[in-house]
């Protein structure tokens, strides 16, 4: 029987170097932020352009954040949170 997708992914991850693992973690965090921004924006019924105007940013910047292709600064995240009437929080991680 051929390996499952999860088995193949686990095998490949096990062979990654520490730099690749760190980059993967950075990407995962950027993606998590992207999903939260997108979800809140859509809940407010806003387009990217409308959110950008509220934040005094370009629509392209919002797009890059939502695609996870950039790591926004804390100041940028605060501006987005303010525009979406949301709180910006640091939450303790669950124990590994």
PDB file of N, CA and C in Angstrom:
ATOM      1  N   UNK A   1       0.857  -1.177   0.000  1.00  0.00           N
ATOM      2  CA  UNK A   1       0.000   0.000   0.000  1.00  0.00           C
ATOM      3  C   UNK A   1       0.903   1.240   0.000  1.00  0.00           C
ATOM      4  N   UNK A   2       0.618   2.219  -0.841  1.00  0.00           N
ATOM      5  CA  UNK A   2       1.448   3.428  -0.896  1.00  0.00           C
ATOM      6  C   UNK A   2       1.279   4.264   0.379  1.00  0.00           C
ATOM      7  N   UNK A   3       2.287   5.087   0.687  1.00  0.00           N
ATOM      8  CA  UNK A   3       2.186   5.920   1.899  1.00  0.00           C
ATOM      9  C   UNK A   3       1.092   6.978   1.749  1.00  0.00           C
ATOM     10  N   UNK A   4       0.542   7.395   2.880  1.00  0.00           N
ATOM     11  CA  UNK A   4      -0.468   8.449   2.872  1.00  0.00           C
ATOM     12  C   UNK A   4       0.220   9.801   2.688  1.00  0.00           C
ATOM     13  N   UNK A   5      -0.558  10.794   2.384  1.00  0.00           N
ATOM     14  CA  UNK A   5      -0.028  12.150   2.240  1.00  0.00           C
ATOM     15  C   UNK A   5       0.670  12.582   3.524  1.00  0.00           C
ATOM     16  N   UNK A   6       0.031  12.344   4.664  1.00  0.00           N
ATOM     17  CA  UNK A   6       0.617  12.747   5.943  1.00  0.00           C
ATOM     18  C   UNK A   6       1.948  12.047   6.194  1.00  0.00           C
ATOM     19  N   UNK A   7       2.054  10.793   5.803  1.00  0.00           N
ATOM     20  CA  UNK A   7       3.309  10.062   5.977  1.00  0.00           C
ATOM     21  C   UNK A   7       4.412  10.650   5.094  1.00  0.00           C
ATOM     22  N   UNK A   8       4.076  10.995   3.870  1.00  0.00           N
ATOM     23  CA  UNK A   8       5.057  11.589   2.957  1.00  0.00           C
ATOM     24  C   UNK A   8       5.520  12.936   3.493  1.00  0.00           C
ATOM     25  N   UNK A   9       4.582  13.768   3.939  1.00  0.00           N
ATOM     26  CA  UNK A   9       4.926  15.088   4.475  1.00  0.00           C
ATOM     27  C   UNK A   9       5.797  14.933   5.720  1.00  0.00           C
ATOM     28  N   UNK A  10       5.436  14.034   6.599  1.00  0.00           N
ATOM     29  CA  UNK A  10       6.217  13.826   7.824  1.00  0.00           C
ATOM     30  C   UNK A  10       7.636  13.373   7.487  1.00  0.00           C
ATOM     31  N   UNK A  11       7.776  12.520   6.517  1.00  0.00           N
ATOM     32  CA  UNK A  11       9.094  12.050   6.100  1.00  0.00           C
ATOM     33  C   UNK A  11       9.936  13.186   5.537  1.00  0.00           C
ATOM     34  N   UNK A  12       9.338  14.019   4.725  1.00  0.00           N
ATOM     35  CA  UNK A  12      10.071  15.155   4.147  1.00  0.00           C
ATOM     36  C   UNK A  12      10.458  16.170   5.208  1.00  0.00           C
ATOM     37  N   UNK A  13       9.556  16.438   6.127  1.00  0.00           N
ATOM     38  CA  UNK A  13       9.861  17.394   7.195  1.00  0.00           C
ATOM     39  C   UNK A  13      10.995  16.897   8.075  1.00  0.00           C
ATOM     40  N   UNK A  14      11.040  15.593   8.296  1.00  0.00           N
ATOM     41  CA  UNK A  14      12.087  15.020   9.141  1.00  0.00           C
ATOM     42  C   UNK A  14      13.471  15.229   8.528  1.00  0.00           C
ATOM     43  N   UNK A  15      13.537  15.390   7.207  1.00  0.00           N
ATOM     44  CA  UNK A  15      14.817  15.578   6.532  1.00  0.00           C
ATOM     45  C   UNK A  15      15.220  17.040   6.400  1.00  0.00           C
ATOM     46  N   UNK A  16      14.355  17.955   6.806  1.00  0.00           N
ATOM     47  CA  UNK A  16      14.651  19.382   6.667  1.00  0.00           C
ATOM     48  C   UNK A  16      15.702  19.833   7.669  1.00  0.00           C
ATOM     49  N   UNK A  17      16.497  20.806   7.249  1.00  0.00           N
ATOM     50  CA  UNK A  17      17.462  21.419   8.154  1.00  0.00           C
ATOM     51  C   UNK A  17      16.773  22.418   9.060  1.00  0.00           C
ATOM     52  N   UNK A  18      17.499  22.897  10.046  1.00  0.00           N
ATOM     53  CA  UNK A  18      16.919  23.822  11.026  1.00  0.00           C
ATOM     54  C   UNK A  18      16.498  25.146  10.374  1.00  0.00           C
ATOM     55  N   UNK A  19      17.233  25.604   9.350  1.00  0.00           N
ATOM     56  CA  UNK A  19      16.850  26.837   8.655  1.00  0.00           C
ATOM     57  C   UNK A  19      15.503  26.686   7.963  1.00  0.00           C
ATOM     58  N   UNK A  20      15.293  25.552   7.327  1.00  0.00           N
ATOM     59  CA  UNK A  20      14.030  25.312   6.634  1.00  0.00           C
ATOM     60  C   UNK A  20      12.878  25.212   7.624  1.00  0.00           C
ATOM     61  N   UNK A  21      13.122  24.588   8.758  1.00  0.00           N
ATOM     62  CA  UNK A  21      12.094  24.477   9.794  1.00  0.00           C
ATOM     63  C   UNK A  21      11.726  25.868  10.308  1.00  0.00           C
ATOM     64  N   UNK A  22      12.722  26.706  10.554  1.00  0.00           N
ATOM     65  CA  UNK A  22      12.472  28.068  11.035  1.00  0.00           C
ATOM     66  C   UNK A  22      11.683  28.869  10.003  1.00  0.00           C
ATOM     67  N   UNK A  23      12.047  28.750   8.727  1.00  0.00           N
ATOM     68  CA  UNK A  23      11.317  29.453   7.670  1.00  0.00           C
ATOM     69  C   UNK A  23       9.871  28.966   7.593  1.00  0.00           C
ATOM     70  N   UNK A  24       9.675  27.679   7.784  1.00  0.00           N
ATOM     71  CA  UNK A  24       8.324  27.124   7.785  1.00  0.00           C
ATOM     72  C   UNK A  24       7.480  27.688   8.911  1.00  0.00           C
ATOM     73  N   UNK A  25       8.093  27.862  10.066  1.00  0.00           N
ATOM     74  CA  UNK A  25       7.374  28.425  11.207  1.00  0.00           C
ATOM     75  C   UNK A  25       7.009  29.888  10.952  1.00  0.00           C
ATOM     76  N   UNK A  26       7.918  30.629  10.335  1.00  0.00           N
ATOM     77  CA  UNK A  26       7.634  32.029   9.996  1.00  0.00           C
ATOM     78  C   UNK A  26       6.478  32.100   9.009  1.00  0.00           C
ATOM     79  N   UNK A  27       6.504  31.241   8.000  1.00  0.00           N
ATOM     80  CA  UNK A  27       5.418  31.212   7.021  1.00  0.00           C
ATOM     81  C   UNK A  27       4.094  30.866   7.690  1.00  0.00           C
ATOM     82  N   UNK A  28       4.114  29.889   8.588  1.00  0.00           N
ATOM     83  CA  UNK A  28       2.885  29.477   9.268  1.00  0.00           C
ATOM     84  C   UNK A  28       2.292  30.631  10.070  1.00  0.00           C
ATOM     85  N   UNK A  29       3.135  31.414  10.742  1.00  0.00           N
ATOM     86  CA  UNK A  29       2.644  32.553  11.508  1.00  0.00           C
ATOM     87  C   UNK A  29       2.084  33.640  10.586  1.00  0.00           C
ATOM     88  N   UNK A  30       2.781  33.907   9.478  1.00  0.00           N
ATOM     89  CA  UNK A  30       2.297  34.914   8.530  1.00  0.00           C
ATOM     90  C   UNK A  30       0.947  34.488   7.960  1.00  0.00           C
ATOM     91  N   UNK A  31       0.801  33.210   7.690  1.00  0.00           N
ATOM     92  CA  UNK A  31      -0.455  32.698   7.135  1.00  0.00           C
ATOM     93  C   UNK A  31      -1.582  32.805   8.161  1.00  0.00           C
ATOM     94  N   UNK A  32      -1.257  32.528   9.410  1.00  0.00           N
ATOM     95  CA  UNK A  32      -2.261  32.632  10.477  1.00  0.00           C
ATOM     96  C   UNK A  32      -2.755  34.078  10.600  1.00  0.00           C
ATOM     97  N   UNK A  33      -1.836  35.028  10.563  1.00  0.00           N
ATOM     98  CA  UNK A  33      -2.211  36.443  10.616  1.00  0.00           C
ATOM     99  C   UNK A  33      -3.049  36.807   9.401  1.00  0.00           C
ATOM    100  N   UNK A  34      -2.634  36.320   8.236  1.00  0.00           N
ATOM    101  CA  UNK A  34      -3.362  36.605   7.000  1.00  0.00           C
ATOM    102  C   UNK A  34      -4.815  36.158   7.102  1.00  0.00           C
ATOM    103  N   UNK A  35      -5.029  34.964   7.606  1.00  0.00           N
ATOM    104  CA  UNK A  35      -6.392  34.443   7.732  1.00  0.00           C
ATOM    105  C   UNK A  35      -7.215  35.279   8.706  1.00  0.00           C
ATOM    106  N   UNK A  36      -6.596  35.737   9.788  1.00  0.00           N
ATOM    107  CA  UNK A  36      -7.329  36.547  10.756  1.00  0.00           C
ATOM    108  C   UNK A  36      -7.720  37.895  10.158  1.00  0.00           C
ATOM    109  N   UNK A  37      -6.798  38.525   9.437  1.00  0.00           N
ATOM    110  CA  UNK A  37      -7.097  39.817   8.802  1.00  0.00           C
ATOM    111  C   UNK A  37      -8.226  39.640   7.790  1.00  0.00           C
ATOM    112  N   UNK A  38      -8.102  38.610   6.952  1.00  0.00           N
ATOM    113  CA  UNK A  38      -9.121  38.372   5.933  1.00  0.00           C
ATOM    114  C   UNK A  38     -10.488  38.102   6.558  1.00  0.00           C
ATOM    115  N   UNK A  39     -10.510  37.276   7.595  1.00  0.00           N
ATOM    116  CA  UNK A  39     -11.764  36.931   8.257  1.00  0.00           C
ATOM    117  C   UNK A  39     -12.430  38.170   8.857  1.00  0.00           C
ATOM    118  N   UNK A  40     -11.662  38.981   9.572  1.00  0.00           N
ATOM    119  CA  UNK A  40     -12.234  40.199  10.169  1.00  0.00           C
ATOM    120  C   UNK A  40     -12.690  41.190   9.103  1.00  0.00           C
ATOM    121  N   UNK A  41     -11.902  41.336   8.055  1.00  0.00           N
ATOM    122  CA  UNK A  41     -12.277  42.266   6.975  1.00  0.00           C
ATOM    123  C   UNK A  41     -13.605  41.839   6.361  1.00  0.00           C
ATOM    124  N   UNK A  42     -13.735  40.545   6.076  1.00  0.00           N
ATOM    125  CA  UNK A  42     -14.967  40.047   5.466  1.00  0.00           C
ATOM    126  C   UNK A  42     -16.154  40.155   6.423  1.00  0.00           C
ATOM    127  N   UNK A  43     -15.931  39.928   7.716  1.00  0.00           N
ATOM    128  CA  UNK A  43     -17.015  40.068   8.698  1.00  0.00           C
ATOM    129  C   UNK A  43     -17.524  41.505   8.756  1.00  0.00           C
ATOM    130  N   UNK A  44     -16.641  42.464   8.474  1.00  0.00           N
ATOM    131  CA  UNK A  44     -17.039  43.871   8.445  1.00  0.00           C
ATOM    132  C   UNK A  44     -17.590  44.271   7.076  1.00  0.00           C
ATOM    133  N   UNK A  45     -17.605  43.344   6.133  1.00  0.00           N
ATOM    134  CA  UNK A  45     -18.144  43.621   4.802  1.00  0.00           C
ATOM    135  C   UNK A  45     -17.290  44.593   4.003  1.00  0.00           C
ATOM    136  N   UNK A  46     -15.986  44.564   4.244  1.00  0.00           N
ATOM    137  CA  UNK A  46     -15.086  45.500   3.574  1.00  0.00           C
ATOM    138  C   UNK A  46     -14.299  44.820   2.461  1.00  0.00           C
ATOM    139  N   UNK A  47     -14.012  45.569   1.432  1.00  0.00           N
ATOM    140  CA  UNK A  47     -13.079  45.116   0.413  1.00  0.00           C
ATOM    141  C   UNK A  47     -11.670  45.436   0.900  1.00  0.00           C
ATOM    142  N   UNK A  48     -10.684  44.890   0.217  1.00  0.00           N
ATOM    143  CA  UNK A  48      -9.301  45.235   0.557  1.00  0.00           C
ATOM    144  C   UNK A  48      -9.078  46.731   0.396  1.00  0.00           C
ATOM    145  N   UNK A  49      -9.626  47.309  -0.649  1.00  0.00           N
ATOM    146  CA  UNK A  49      -9.436  48.745  -0.903  1.00  0.00           C
ATOM    147  C   UNK A  49     -10.060  49.578   0.217  1.00  0.00           C
ATOM    148  N   UNK A  50     -11.230  49.186   0.681  1.00  0.00           N
ATOM    149  CA  UNK A  50     -11.885  49.926   1.759  1.00  0.00           C
ATOM    150  C   UNK A  50     -11.085  49.838   3.050  1.00  0.00           C
ATOM    151  N   UNK A  51     -10.593  48.640   3.366  1.00  0.00           N
ATOM    152  CA  UNK A  51      -9.762  48.485   4.557  1.00  0.00           C
ATOM    153  C   UNK A  51      -8.488  49.303   4.424  1.00  0.00           C
ATOM    154  N   UNK A  52      -7.900  49.280   3.255  1.00  0.00           N
ATOM    155  CA  UNK A  52      -6.667  50.036   3.022  1.00  0.00           C
ATOM    156  C   UNK A  52      -6.887  51.525   3.277  1.00  0.00           C
ATOM    157  N   UNK A  53      -7.998  52.055   2.796  1.00  0.00           N
ATOM    158  CA  UNK A  53      -8.288  53.478   3.031  1.00  0.00           C
ATOM    159  C   UNK A  53      -8.433  53.769   4.518  1.00  0.00           C
ATOM    160  N   UNK A  54      -9.090  52.867   5.241  1.00  0.00           N
ATOM    161  CA  UNK A  54      -9.249  53.061   6.688  1.00  0.00           C
ATOM    162  C   UNK A  54      -7.904  53.048   7.414  1.00  0.00           C
ATOM    163  N   UNK A  55      -6.946  52.315   6.872  1.00  0.00           N
ATOM    164  CA  UNK A  55      -5.625  52.170   7.507  1.00  0.00           C
ATOM    165  C   UNK A  55      -4.602  53.141   6.945  1.00  0.00           C
ATOM    166  N   UNK A  56      -5.011  53.921   5.953  1.00  0.00           N
ATOM    167  CA  UNK A  56      -4.081  54.808   5.248  1.00  0.00           C
ATOM    168  C   UNK A  56      -2.916  54.002   4.657  1.00  0.00           C
ATOM    169  N   UNK A  57      -3.290  52.926   3.991  1.00  0.00           N
ATOM    170  CA  UNK A  57      -2.329  52.037   3.340  1.00  0.00           C
ATOM    171  C   UNK A  57      -2.800  51.813   1.909  1.00  0.00           C
ATOM    172  N   UNK A  58      -1.984  51.139   1.136  1.00  0.00           N
ATOM    173  CA  UNK A  58      -2.414  50.795  -0.216  1.00  0.00           C
ATOM    174  C   UNK A  58      -3.147  49.451  -0.193  1.00  0.00           C
ATOM    175  N   UNK A  59      -3.997  49.255  -1.180  1.00  0.00           N
ATOM    176  CA  UNK A  59      -4.695  47.978  -1.316  1.00  0.00           C
ATOM    177  C   UNK A  59      -3.681  46.865  -1.545  1.00  0.00           C
ATOM    178  N   UNK A  60      -2.605  47.163  -2.251  1.00  0.00           N
ATOM    179  CA  UNK A  60      -1.573  46.161  -2.512  1.00  0.00           C
ATOM    180  C   UNK A  60      -0.932  45.679  -1.213  1.00  0.00           C
ATOM    181  N   UNK A  61      -0.757  46.586  -0.240  1.00  0.00           N
ATOM    182  CA  UNK A  61      -0.205  46.182   1.055  1.00  0.00           C
ATOM    183  C   UNK A  61      -1.150  45.215   1.778  1.00  0.00           C
ATOM    184  N   UNK A  62      -2.427  45.516   1.751  1.00  0.00           N
ATOM    185  CA  UNK A  62      -3.414  44.631   2.378  1.00  0.00           C
ATOM    186  C   UNK A  62      -3.396  43.276   1.678  1.00  0.00           C
ATOM    187  N   UNK A  63      -3.326  43.285   0.363  1.00  0.00           N
ATOM    188  CA  UNK A  63      -3.277  42.047  -0.401  1.00  0.00           C
ATOM    189  C   UNK A  63      -2.065  41.202  -0.022  1.00  0.00           C
ATOM    190  N   UNK A  64      -0.908  41.834   0.084  1.00  0.00           N
ATOM    191  CA  UNK A  64       0.310  41.100   0.460  1.00  0.00           C
ATOM    192  C   UNK A  64       0.182  40.494   1.862  1.00  0.00           C
ATOM    193  N   UNK A  65      -0.423  41.236   2.774  1.00  0.00           N
ATOM    194  CA  UNK A  65      -0.624  40.721   4.130  1.00  0.00           C
ATOM    195  C   UNK A  65      -1.580  39.528   4.098  1.00  0.00           C
ATOM    196  N   UNK A  66      -2.662  39.651   3.346  1.00  0.00           N
ATOM    197  CA  UNK A  66      -3.646  38.572   3.280  1.00  0.00           C
ATOM    198  C   UNK A  66      -3.118  37.344   2.550  1.00  0.00           C
ATOM    199  N   UNK A  67      -2.163  37.514   1.673  1.00  0.00           N
ATOM    200  CA  UNK A  67      -1.546  36.370   0.991  1.00  0.00           C
ATOM    201  C   UNK A  67      -0.453  35.745   1.844  1.00  0.00           C
ATOM    202  N   UNK A  68      -0.070  36.432   2.914  1.00  0.00           N
ATOM    203  CA  UNK A  68       0.993  35.929   3.759  1.00  0.00           C
ATOM    204  C   UNK A  68       2.364  36.103   3.140  1.00  0.00           C
ATOM    205  N   UNK A  69       2.464  36.994   2.159  1.00  0.00           N
ATOM    206  CA  UNK A  69       3.743  37.169   1.468  1.00  0.00           C
ATOM    207  C   UNK A  69       4.606  38.253   2.092  1.00  0.00           C
ATOM    208  N   UNK A  70       4.125  38.841   3.180  1.00  0.00           N
ATOM    209  CA  UNK A  70       4.904  39.835   3.907  1.00  0.00           C
ATOM    210  C   UNK A  70       4.656  39.662   5.393  1.00  0.00           C
ATOM    211  N   UNK A  71       5.592  40.091   6.171  1.00  0.00           N
ATOM    212  CA  UNK A  71       5.429  40.063   7.626  1.00  0.00           C
ATOM    213  C   UNK A  71       5.199  41.500   8.089  1.00  0.00           C
ATOM    214  N   UNK A  72       3.949  41.858   8.368  1.00  0.00           N
ATOM    215  CA  UNK A  72       3.660  43.232   8.763  1.00  0.00           C
ATOM    216  C   UNK A  72       4.278  43.574  10.115  1.00  0.00           C
ATOM    217  N   UNK A  73       4.606  44.831  10.277  1.00  0.00           N
ATOM    218  CA  UNK A  73       5.141  45.292  11.553  1.00  0.00           C
ATOM    219  C   UNK A  73       4.024  45.349  12.591  1.00  0.00           C
ATOM    220  N   UNK A  74       4.426  45.461  13.838  1.00  0.00           N
ATOM    221  CA  UNK A  74       3.444  45.591  14.918  1.00  0.00           C
ATOM    222  C   UNK A  74       2.595  46.843  14.708  1.00  0.00           C
ATOM    223  N   UNK A  75       3.232  47.929  14.256  1.00  0.00           N
ATOM    224  CA  UNK A  75       2.491  49.173  14.002  1.00  0.00           C
ATOM    225  C   UNK A  75       1.441  48.978  12.902  1.00  0.00           C
ATOM    226  N   UNK A  76       1.810  48.279  11.838  1.00  0.00           N
ATOM    227  CA  UNK A  76       0.859  48.018  10.753  1.00  0.00           C
ATOM    228  C   UNK A  76      -0.288  47.154  11.248  1.00  0.00           C
ATOM    229  N   UNK A  77       0.021  46.128  12.015  1.00  0.00           N
ATOM    230  CA  UNK A  77      -1.036  45.275  12.556  1.00  0.00           C
ATOM    231  C   UNK A  77      -1.960  46.054  13.478  1.00  0.00           C
ATOM    232  N   UNK A  78      -1.397  46.992  14.250  1.00  0.00           N
ATOM    233  CA  UNK A  78      -2.235  47.803  15.131  1.00  0.00           C
ATOM    234  C   UNK A  78      -3.162  48.693  14.315  1.00  0.00           C
ATOM    235  N   UNK A  79      -2.669  49.263  13.230  1.00  0.00           N
ATOM    236  CA  UNK A  79      -3.510  50.101  12.366  1.00  0.00           C
ATOM    237  C   UNK A  79      -4.662  49.285  11.781  1.00  0.00           C
ATOM    238  N   UNK A  80      -4.361  48.060  11.362  1.00  0.00           N
ATOM    239  CA  UNK A  80      -5.405  47.191  10.810  1.00  0.00           C
ATOM    240  C   UNK A  80      -6.401  46.822  11.894  1.00  0.00           C
ATOM    241  N   UNK A  81      -5.906  46.468  13.070  1.00  0.00           N
ATOM    242  CA  UNK A  81      -6.799  46.119  14.178  1.00  0.00           C
ATOM    243  C   UNK A  81      -7.712  47.287  14.524  1.00  0.00           C
ATOM    244  N   UNK A  82      -7.159  48.487  14.598  1.00  0.00           N
ATOM    245  CA  UNK A  82      -7.981  49.672  14.891  1.00  0.00           C
ATOM    246  C   UNK A  82      -9.051  49.873  13.827  1.00  0.00           C
ATOM    247  N   UNK A  83      -8.676  49.702  12.560  1.00  0.00           N
ATOM    248  CA  UNK A  83      -9.631  49.895  11.463  1.00  0.00           C
ATOM    249  C   UNK A  83     -10.741  48.849  11.492  1.00  0.00           C
ATOM    250  N   UNK A  84     -10.445  47.681  12.062  1.00  0.00           N
ATOM    251  CA  UNK A  84     -11.431  46.600  12.122  1.00  0.00           C
ATOM    252  C   UNK A  84     -12.077  46.484  13.504  1.00  0.00           C
ATOM    253  N   UNK A  85     -11.854  47.491  14.351  1.00  0.00           N
ATOM    254  CA  UNK A  85     -12.400  47.501  15.704  1.00  0.00           C
ATOM    255  C   UNK A  85     -12.068  46.193  16.431  1.00  0.00           C
ATOM    256  N   UNK A  86     -10.782  45.849  16.369  1.00  0.00           N
ATOM    257  CA  UNK A  86     -10.307  44.603  16.968  1.00  0.00           C
ATOM    258  C   UNK A  86      -9.142  44.899  17.904  1.00  0.00           C
ATOM    259  N   UNK A  87      -8.839  43.933  18.751  1.00  0.00           N
ATOM    260  CA  UNK A  87      -7.690  44.036  19.648  1.00  0.00           C
ATOM    261  C   UNK A  87      -6.522  43.272  19.045  1.00  0.00           C
ATOM    262  N   UNK A  88      -5.343  43.778  19.269  1.00  0.00           N
ATOM    263  CA  UNK A  88      -4.117  43.095  18.889  1.00  0.00           C
ATOM    264  C   UNK A  88      -3.545  42.515  20.166  1.00  0.00           C
ATOM    265  N   UNK A  89      -3.387  41.184  20.217  1.00  0.00           N
ATOM    266  CA  UNK A  89      -2.977  40.540  21.450  1.00  0.00           C
ATOM    267  C   UNK A  89      -1.846  39.552  21.210  1.00  0.00           C
ATOM    268  N   UNK A  90      -1.045  39.382  22.236  1.00  0.00           N
ATOM    269  CA  UNK A  90      -0.092  38.293  22.283  1.00  0.00           C
ATOM    270  C   UNK A  90      -0.695  37.267  23.234  1.00  0.00           C
ATOM    271  N   UNK A  91      -0.736  36.040  22.799  1.00  0.00           N
ATOM    272  CA  UNK A  91      -1.331  34.980  23.595  1.00  0.00           C
ATOM    273  C   UNK A  91      -0.269  33.930  23.859  1.00  0.00           C
ATOM    274  N   UNK A  92      -0.216  33.460  25.089  1.00  0.00           N
ATOM    275  CA  UNK A  92       0.766  32.435  25.453  1.00  0.00           C
ATOM    276  C   UNK A  92       0.541  31.186  24.617  1.00  0.00           C
ATOM    277  N   UNK A  93       1.636  30.580  24.209  1.00  0.00           N
ATOM    278  CA  UNK A  93       1.563  29.334  23.429  1.00  0.00           C
ATOM    279  C   UNK A  93       1.215  28.171  24.345  1.00  0.00           C
ATOM    280  N   UNK A  94       0.575  27.202  23.751  1.00  0.00           N
ATOM    281  CA  UNK A  94       0.313  25.969  24.480  1.00  0.00           C
ATOM    282  C   UNK A  94       1.629  25.234  24.667  1.00  0.00           C
ATOM    283  N   UNK A  95       1.808  24.558  25.792  1.00  0.00           N
ATOM    284  CA  UNK A  95       3.056  23.820  26.005  1.00  0.00           C
ATOM    285  C   UNK A  95       3.267  22.785  24.909  1.00  0.00           C
ATOM    286  N   UNK A  96       4.508  22.630  24.494  1.00  0.00           N
ATOM    287  CA  UNK A  96       4.818  21.685  23.426  1.00  0.00           C
ATOM    288  C   UNK A  96       4.807  20.267  23.899  1.00  0.00           C
TER     289      UNK A  96
END
